[in-house]
Amino acid sequence: MARAWRVTGLPATFLIRPGGEVAGTAVGAREWDSAPMRALLEPMLPGAHARH
């Protein structure tokens, strides 16, 4: 599985859109609740366009 997803380190995170498309990847630790990460991820959430 690591080879299929091209995982080169751990932890590895994949952001997958509802249709199955990979929207982004991150290798290594992240502070997912930080302001920059929230700004990056919140627009991808369902209904985000309706909130703006």
PDB file of N, CA and C in Angstrom:
ATOM      1  N   MET A   1       0.821  -1.168   0.000  1.00  0.00           N
ATOM      2  CA  MET A   1       0.000   0.000   0.000  1.00  0.00           C
ATOM      3  C   MET A   1       0.879   1.252   0.000  1.00  0.00           C
ATOM      4  N   ALA A   2       1.954   1.227   0.761  1.00  0.00           N
ATOM      5  CA  ALA A   2       2.847   2.390   0.803  1.00  0.00           C
ATOM      6  C   ALA A   2       3.389   2.704  -0.589  1.00  0.00           C
ATOM      7  N   ARG A   3       3.721   1.699  -1.338  1.00  0.00           N
ATOM      8  CA  ARG A   3       4.235   1.924  -2.689  1.00  0.00           C
ATOM      9  C   ARG A   3       3.139   2.473  -3.602  1.00  0.00           C
ATOM     10  N   ALA A   4       1.935   1.934  -3.487  1.00  0.00           N
ATOM     11  CA  ALA A   4       0.827   2.380  -4.338  1.00  0.00           C
ATOM     12  C   ALA A   4       0.501   3.853  -4.096  1.00  0.00           C
ATOM     13  N   TRP A   5       0.589   4.302  -2.843  1.00  0.00           N
ATOM     14  CA  TRP A   5       0.273   5.684  -2.495  1.00  0.00           C
ATOM     15  C   TRP A   5       1.517   6.563  -2.460  1.00  0.00           C
ATOM     16  N   ARG A   6       2.665   5.997  -2.774  1.00  0.00           N
ATOM     17  CA  ARG A   6       3.943   6.720  -2.793  1.00  0.00           C
ATOM     18  C   ARG A   6       4.275   7.362  -1.446  1.00  0.00           C
ATOM     19  N   VAL A   7       4.076   6.599  -0.386  1.00  0.00           N
ATOM     20  CA  VAL A   7       4.400   7.070   0.963  1.00  0.00           C
ATOM     21  C   VAL A   7       5.909   6.983   1.137  1.00  0.00           C
ATOM     22  N   THR A   8       6.518   8.110   1.464  1.00  0.00           N
ATOM     23  CA  THR A   8       7.974   8.155   1.635  1.00  0.00           C
ATOM     24  C   THR A   8       8.382   8.370   3.083  1.00  0.00           C
ATOM     25  N   GLY A   9       7.435   8.581   3.960  1.00  0.00           N
ATOM     26  CA  GLY A   9       7.712   8.782   5.375  1.00  0.00           C
ATOM     27  C   GLY A   9       6.430   8.708   6.171  1.00  0.00           C
ATOM     28  N   LEU A  10       6.584   8.648   7.477  1.00  0.00           N
ATOM     29  CA  LEU A  10       5.423   8.574   8.361  1.00  0.00           C
ATOM     30  C   LEU A  10       5.491   9.686   9.389  1.00  0.00           C
ATOM     31  N   PRO A  11       4.395  10.233   9.827  1.00  0.00           N
ATOM     32  CA  PRO A  11       3.056   9.950   9.329  1.00  0.00           C
ATOM     33  C   PRO A  11       2.840  10.529   7.932  1.00  0.00           C
ATOM     34  N   ALA A  12       1.914   9.928   7.225  1.00  0.00           N
ATOM     35  CA  ALA A  12       1.536  10.416   5.895  1.00  0.00           C
ATOM     36  C   ALA A  12       0.029  10.665   5.898  1.00  0.00           C
ATOM     37  N   THR A  13      -0.371  11.822   5.424  1.00  0.00           N
ATOM     38  CA  THR A  13      -1.780  12.206   5.398  1.00  0.00           C
ATOM     39  C   THR A  13      -2.194  12.505   3.972  1.00  0.00           C
ATOM     40  N   PHE A  14      -3.373  12.037   3.601  1.00  0.00           N
ATOM     41  CA  PHE A  14      -3.917  12.277   2.272  1.00  0.00           C
ATOM     42  C   PHE A  14      -5.264  12.944   2.418  1.00  0.00           C
ATOM     43  N   LEU A  15      -5.473  14.039   1.720  1.00  0.00           N
ATOM     44  CA  LEU A  15      -6.774  14.715   1.682  1.00  0.00           C
ATOM     45  C   LEU A  15      -7.469  14.249   0.413  1.00  0.00           C
ATOM     46  N   ILE A  16      -8.595  13.561   0.586  1.00  0.00           N
ATOM     47  CA  ILE A  16      -9.304  12.955  -0.531  1.00  0.00           C
ATOM     48  C   ILE A  16     -10.641  13.662  -0.730  1.00  0.00           C
ATOM     49  N   ARG A  17     -10.888  14.139  -1.943  1.00  0.00           N
ATOM     50  CA  ARG A  17     -12.177  14.762  -2.271  1.00  0.00           C
ATOM     51  C   ARG A  17     -13.260  13.679  -2.342  1.00  0.00           C
ATOM     52  N   PRO A  18     -14.529  14.059  -2.213  1.00  0.00           N
ATOM     53  CA  PRO A  18     -15.611  13.062  -2.251  1.00  0.00           C
ATOM     54  C   PRO A  18     -15.585  12.161  -3.482  1.00  0.00           C
ATOM     55  N   GLY A  19     -15.127  12.637  -4.615  1.00  0.00           N
ATOM     56  CA  GLY A  19     -15.068  11.824  -5.826  1.00  0.00           C
ATOM     57  C   GLY A  19     -13.878  10.886  -5.886  1.00  0.00           C
ATOM     58  N   GLY A  20     -13.012  10.923  -4.860  1.00  0.00           N
ATOM     59  CA  GLY A  20     -11.855  10.047  -4.815  1.00  0.00           C
ATOM     60  C   GLY A  20     -10.558  10.688  -5.269  1.00  0.00           C
ATOM     61  N   GLU A  21     -10.605  11.927  -5.729  1.00  0.00           N
ATOM     62  CA  GLU A  21      -9.408  12.638  -6.176  1.00  0.00           C
ATOM     63  C   GLU A  21      -8.565  13.062  -4.973  1.00  0.00           C
ATOM     64  N   VAL A  22      -7.256  12.882  -5.073  1.00  0.00           N
ATOM     65  CA  VAL A  22      -6.354  13.325  -4.008  1.00  0.00           C
ATOM     66  C   VAL A  22      -6.199  14.840  -4.125  1.00  0.00           C
ATOM     67  N   ALA A  23      -6.635  15.548  -3.094  1.00  0.00           N
ATOM     68  CA  ALA A  23      -6.571  17.010  -3.088  1.00  0.00           C
ATOM     69  C   ALA A  23      -5.250  17.508  -2.531  1.00  0.00           C
ATOM     70  N   GLY A  24      -4.573  16.680  -1.752  1.00  0.00           N
ATOM     71  CA  GLY A  24      -3.302  17.085  -1.175  1.00  0.00           C
ATOM     72  C   GLY A  24      -2.704  15.982  -0.332  1.00  0.00           C
ATOM     73  N   THR A  25      -1.418  16.097  -0.089  1.00  0.00           N
ATOM     74  CA  THR A  25      -0.719  15.133   0.762  1.00  0.00           C
ATOM     75  C   THR A  25       0.215  15.887   1.695  1.00  0.00           C
ATOM     76  N   ALA A  26       0.510  15.254   2.804  1.00  0.00           N
ATOM     77  CA  ALA A  26       1.466  15.808   3.757  1.00  0.00           C
ATOM     78  C   ALA A  26       2.244  14.655   4.361  1.00  0.00           C
ATOM     79  N   VAL A  27       3.544  14.751   4.330  1.00  0.00           N
ATOM     80  CA  VAL A  27       4.399  13.753   4.954  1.00  0.00           C
ATOM     81  C   VAL A  27       5.066  14.424   6.142  1.00  0.00           C
ATOM     82  N   GLY A  28       4.948  13.797   7.282  1.00  0.00           N
ATOM     83  CA  GLY A  28       5.513  14.353   8.495  1.00  0.00           C
ATOM     84  C   GLY A  28       4.429  14.938   9.379  1.00  0.00           C
ATOM     85  N   ALA A  29       4.823  15.288  10.576  1.00  0.00           N
ATOM     86  CA  ALA A  29       3.872  15.813  11.553  1.00  0.00           C
ATOM     87  C   ALA A  29       3.384  17.198  11.143  1.00  0.00           C
ATOM     88  N   ARG A  30       2.140  17.475  11.460  1.00  0.00           N
ATOM     89  CA  ARG A  30       1.526  18.775  11.199  1.00  0.00           C
ATOM     90  C   ARG A  30       0.703  19.182  12.415  1.00  0.00           C
ATOM     91  N   GLU A  31       0.567  20.466  12.617  1.00  0.00           N
ATOM     92  CA  GLU A  31      -0.346  20.977  13.630  1.00  0.00           C
ATOM     93  C   GLU A  31      -1.639  21.311  12.902  1.00  0.00           C
ATOM     94  N   TRP A  32      -2.529  20.335  12.798  1.00  0.00           N
ATOM     95  CA  TRP A  32      -3.727  20.462  11.985  1.00  0.00           C
ATOM     96  C   TRP A  32      -4.695  21.512  12.510  1.00  0.00           C
ATOM     97  N   ASP A  33      -4.586  21.882  13.783  1.00  0.00           N
ATOM     98  CA  ASP A  33      -5.496  22.892  14.331  1.00  0.00           C
ATOM     99  C   ASP A  33      -4.888  24.294  14.327  1.00  0.00           C
ATOM    100  N   SER A  34      -3.735  24.476  13.685  1.00  0.00           N
ATOM    101  CA  SER A  34      -3.124  25.800  13.606  1.00  0.00           C
ATOM    102  C   SER A  34      -3.916  26.681  12.636  1.00  0.00           C
ATOM    103  N   ALA A  35      -3.787  27.982  12.788  1.00  0.00           N
ATOM    104  CA  ALA A  35      -4.508  28.917  11.920  1.00  0.00           C
ATOM    105  C   ALA A  35      -4.182  28.716  10.436  1.00  0.00           C
ATOM    106  N   PRO A  36      -2.902  28.543  10.053  1.00  0.00           N
ATOM    107  CA  PRO A  36      -2.616  28.338   8.623  1.00  0.00           C
ATOM    108  C   PRO A  36      -3.248  27.054   8.068  1.00  0.00           C
ATOM    109  N   MET A  37      -3.245  25.979   8.853  1.00  0.00           N
ATOM    110  CA  MET A  37      -3.856  24.727   8.378  1.00  0.00           C
ATOM    111  C   MET A  37      -5.365  24.865   8.269  1.00  0.00           C
ATOM    112  N   ARG A  38      -5.973  25.535   9.242  1.00  0.00           N
ATOM    113  CA  ARG A  38      -7.422  25.745   9.178  1.00  0.00           C
ATOM    114  C   ARG A  38      -7.781  26.575   7.944  1.00  0.00           C
ATOM    115  N   ALA A  39      -6.993  27.600   7.643  1.00  0.00           N
ATOM    116  CA  ALA A  39      -7.243  28.434   6.470  1.00  0.00           C
ATOM    117  C   ALA A  39      -7.110  27.625   5.182  1.00  0.00           C
ATOM    118  N   LEU A  40      -6.212  26.662   5.175  1.00  0.00           N
ATOM    119  CA  LEU A  40      -6.015  25.810   4.001  1.00  0.00           C
ATOM    120  C   LEU A  40      -7.148  24.802   3.842  1.00  0.00           C
ATOM    121  N   LEU A  41      -7.572  24.199   4.955  1.00  0.00           N
ATOM    122  CA  LEU A  41      -8.513  23.090   4.897  1.00  0.00           C
ATOM    123  C   LEU A  41      -9.981  23.496   4.921  1.00  0.00           C
ATOM    124  N   GLU A  42     -10.330  24.533   5.648  1.00  0.00           N
ATOM    125  CA  GLU A  42     -11.745  24.871   5.792  1.00  0.00           C
ATOM    126  C   GLU A  42     -12.448  25.132   4.461  1.00  0.00           C
ATOM    127  N   PRO A  43     -11.804  25.756   3.469  1.00  0.00           N
ATOM    128  CA  PRO A  43     -12.495  25.933   2.182  1.00  0.00           C
ATOM    129  C   PRO A  43     -12.835  24.614   1.480  1.00  0.00           C
ATOM    130  N   MET A  44     -12.188  23.520   1.856  1.00  0.00           N
ATOM    131  CA  MET A  44     -12.456  22.220   1.249  1.00  0.00           C
ATOM    132  C   MET A  44     -13.643  21.502   1.883  1.00  0.00           C
ATOM    133  N   LEU A  45     -14.114  21.989   3.034  1.00  0.00           N
ATOM    134  CA  LEU A  45     -15.205  21.323   3.732  1.00  0.00           C
ATOM    135  C   LEU A  45     -16.518  21.515   2.991  1.00  0.00           C
ATOM    136  N   PRO A  46     -17.406  20.503   3.096  1.00  0.00           N
ATOM    137  CA  PRO A  46     -18.720  20.640   2.457  1.00  0.00           C
ATOM    138  C   PRO A  46     -19.434  21.893   2.944  1.00  0.00           C
ATOM    139  N   GLY A  47     -20.034  22.618   2.051  1.00  0.00           N
ATOM    140  CA  GLY A  47     -20.770  23.819   2.397  1.00  0.00           C
ATOM    141  C   GLY A  47     -19.914  25.039   2.617  1.00  0.00           C
ATOM    142  N   ALA A  48     -18.605  24.939   2.390  1.00  0.00           N
ATOM    143  CA  ALA A  48     -17.703  26.068   2.651  1.00  0.00           C
ATOM    144  C   ALA A  48     -18.052  27.253   1.768  1.00  0.00           C
ATOM    145  N   HIS A  49     -18.441  27.006   0.527  1.00  0.00           N
ATOM    146  CA  HIS A  49     -18.751  28.111  -0.386  1.00  0.00           C
ATOM    147  C   HIS A  49     -19.999  28.855   0.075  1.00  0.00           C
ATOM    148  N   ALA A  50     -20.917  28.140   0.714  1.00  0.00           N
ATOM    149  CA  ALA A  50     -22.142  28.776   1.202  1.00  0.00           C
ATOM    150  C   ALA A  50     -21.857  29.681   2.392  1.00  0.00           C
ATOM    151  N   ARG A  51     -20.788  29.390   3.147  1.00  0.00           N
ATOM    152  CA  ARG A  51     -20.456  30.179   4.347  1.00  0.00           C
ATOM    153  C   ARG A  51     -19.766  31.483   3.992  1.00  0.00           C
ATOM    154  N   HIS A  52     -19.203  31.604   2.784  1.00  0.00           N
ATOM    155  CA  HIS A  52     -18.447  32.826   2.435  1.00  0.00           C
ATOM    156  C   HIS A  52     -19.283  33.820   1.694  1.00  0.00           C
TER     157      HIS A  52
END
